[in-house]
C-alpha cells in the first residue's frame, strides 16, 4: 500500500528530479558519443596526427636506408661490353 506524498515531499522530489535531469543533460553534452561536434573535431585532429606520424616515420626510414654512394665493384674483364679474353 502506497502512502500519499505530503505537500512538503512533492517540491523536494521535484527539486531532486530537476537537479538529476540537469546533471544528466550536462553529462550528455560532454559525452563523446552524443556530441558530434566535439567528436568530429577530435577525430579530425587524431587523423591529422596519424598522417603526420606516418609521414615522419616513413621519411626517417628512408633516411636510415638511404643510398650511401657508388661502391667500388670489381668487374671481371670477360663480362665487359667489349670482353677481353685471355
Protein backbone atom coordinates (compact mmCIF):
# COMPACT_ATOMS: atom_id res chain seq x y z
CA UNK A 1 0.00 0.00 0.00
CA UNK A 2 1.47 3.35 -1.08
CA UNK A 3 1.12 6.37 1.06
CA UNK A 4 0.30 9.71 -0.45
CA UNK A 5 3.04 12.30 -0.71
CA UNK A 6 2.54 15.25 1.55
CA UNK A 7 2.74 18.79 0.30
CA UNK A 8 6.34 19.16 1.58
CA UNK A 9 7.63 15.99 -0.07
CA UNK A 10 6.38 16.91 -3.55
CA UNK A 11 8.57 20.05 -4.04
CA UNK A 12 11.62 18.25 -2.62
CA UNK A 13 11.13 15.39 -5.04
CA UNK A 14 10.75 17.85 -7.94
CA UNK A 15 13.93 19.67 -6.91
CA UNK A 16 15.89 16.41 -6.78
CA UNK A 17 14.42 15.28 -10.07
CA UNK A 18 15.22 18.61 -11.69
CA UNK A 19 18.80 18.53 -10.38
CA UNK A 20 19.18 14.98 -11.68
CA UNK A 21 17.87 15.96 -15.11
CA UNK A 22 20.20 18.96 -15.27
CA UNK A 23 23.19 16.80 -14.35
CA UNK A 24 22.12 14.21 -16.92
CA UNK A 25 21.89 16.91 -19.59
CA UNK A 26 25.38 18.23 -18.71
CA UNK A 27 26.83 14.73 -18.94
CA UNK A 28 25.13 14.11 -22.27
CA UNK A 29 26.54 17.38 -23.65
CA UNK A 30 30.04 16.35 -22.58
CA UNK A 31 29.65 12.77 -23.78
CA UNK A 32 31.88 11.90 -26.75
CA UNK A 33 29.32 9.68 -28.44
CA UNK A 34 26.45 12.15 -28.17
CA UNK A 35 28.21 15.39 -29.08
CA UNK A 36 29.12 15.06 -32.76
CA UNK A 37 30.88 18.43 -32.89
CA UNK A 38 33.45 17.54 -30.24
CA UNK A 39 33.85 14.01 -31.52
CA UNK A 40 34.36 15.09 -35.13
CA UNK A 41 36.96 17.68 -34.12
CA UNK A 42 38.77 15.08 -32.02
CA UNK A 43 38.68 12.51 -34.82
CA UNK A 44 39.94 15.09 -37.34
CA UNK A 45 42.94 16.02 -35.21
CA UNK A 46 43.61 12.34 -34.46
CA UNK A 47 43.62 11.63 -38.20
CA UNK A 48 45.97 14.57 -38.89
CA UNK A 49 48.30 13.38 -36.12
CA UNK A 50 48.37 9.83 -37.51
CA UNK A 51 49.10 11.02 -41.06
CA UNK A 52 51.92 13.27 -39.85
CA UNK A 53 53.33 10.48 -37.67
CA UNK A 54 53.34 8.02 -40.59
CA UNK A 55 54.91 10.60 -42.91
CA UNK A 56 57.68 11.40 -40.45
CA UNK A 57 58.23 7.70 -39.73
CA UNK A 58 58.45 6.93 -43.44
CA UNK A 59 60.88 9.80 -44.06
CA UNK A 60 63.05 8.64 -41.18
CA UNK A 61 63.03 5.08 -42.50
CA UNK A 62 64.06 6.27 -45.95
CA UNK A 63 66.80 8.39 -44.39
CA UNK A 64 68.11 5.39 -42.44
CA UNK A 65 68.31 3.27 -45.61
CA UNK A 66 69.49 5.99 -47.97
CA UNK A 67 71.93 5.43 -50.82
CA UNK A 68 75.39 5.92 -49.41
CA UNK A 69 77.34 6.36 -52.68
CA UNK A 70 78.78 4.42 -55.55
CA UNK A 71 80.70 1.39 -54.32
CA UNK A 72 83.87 0.12 -55.97
CA UNK A 73 82.91 -3.13 -57.63
CA UNK A 74 85.46 -5.46 -59.21
CA UNK A 75 84.10 -6.43 -62.62
CA UNK A 76 85.66 -9.40 -64.39
CA UNK A 77 87.14 -8.42 -67.75
CA UNK A 78 85.26 -11.12 -69.65
CA UNK A 79 81.85 -9.60 -68.70
CA UNK A 80 82.51 -6.08 -70.01
CA UNK A 81 80.74 -4.57 -73.04
CA UNK A 82 83.78 -5.39 -75.07
CA UNK A 83 85.05 -8.56 -73.40
CA UNK A 84 88.71 -9.26 -73.17
CA UNK A 85 89.53 -12.93 -73.37
CA UNK A 86 92.79 -14.48 -72.30
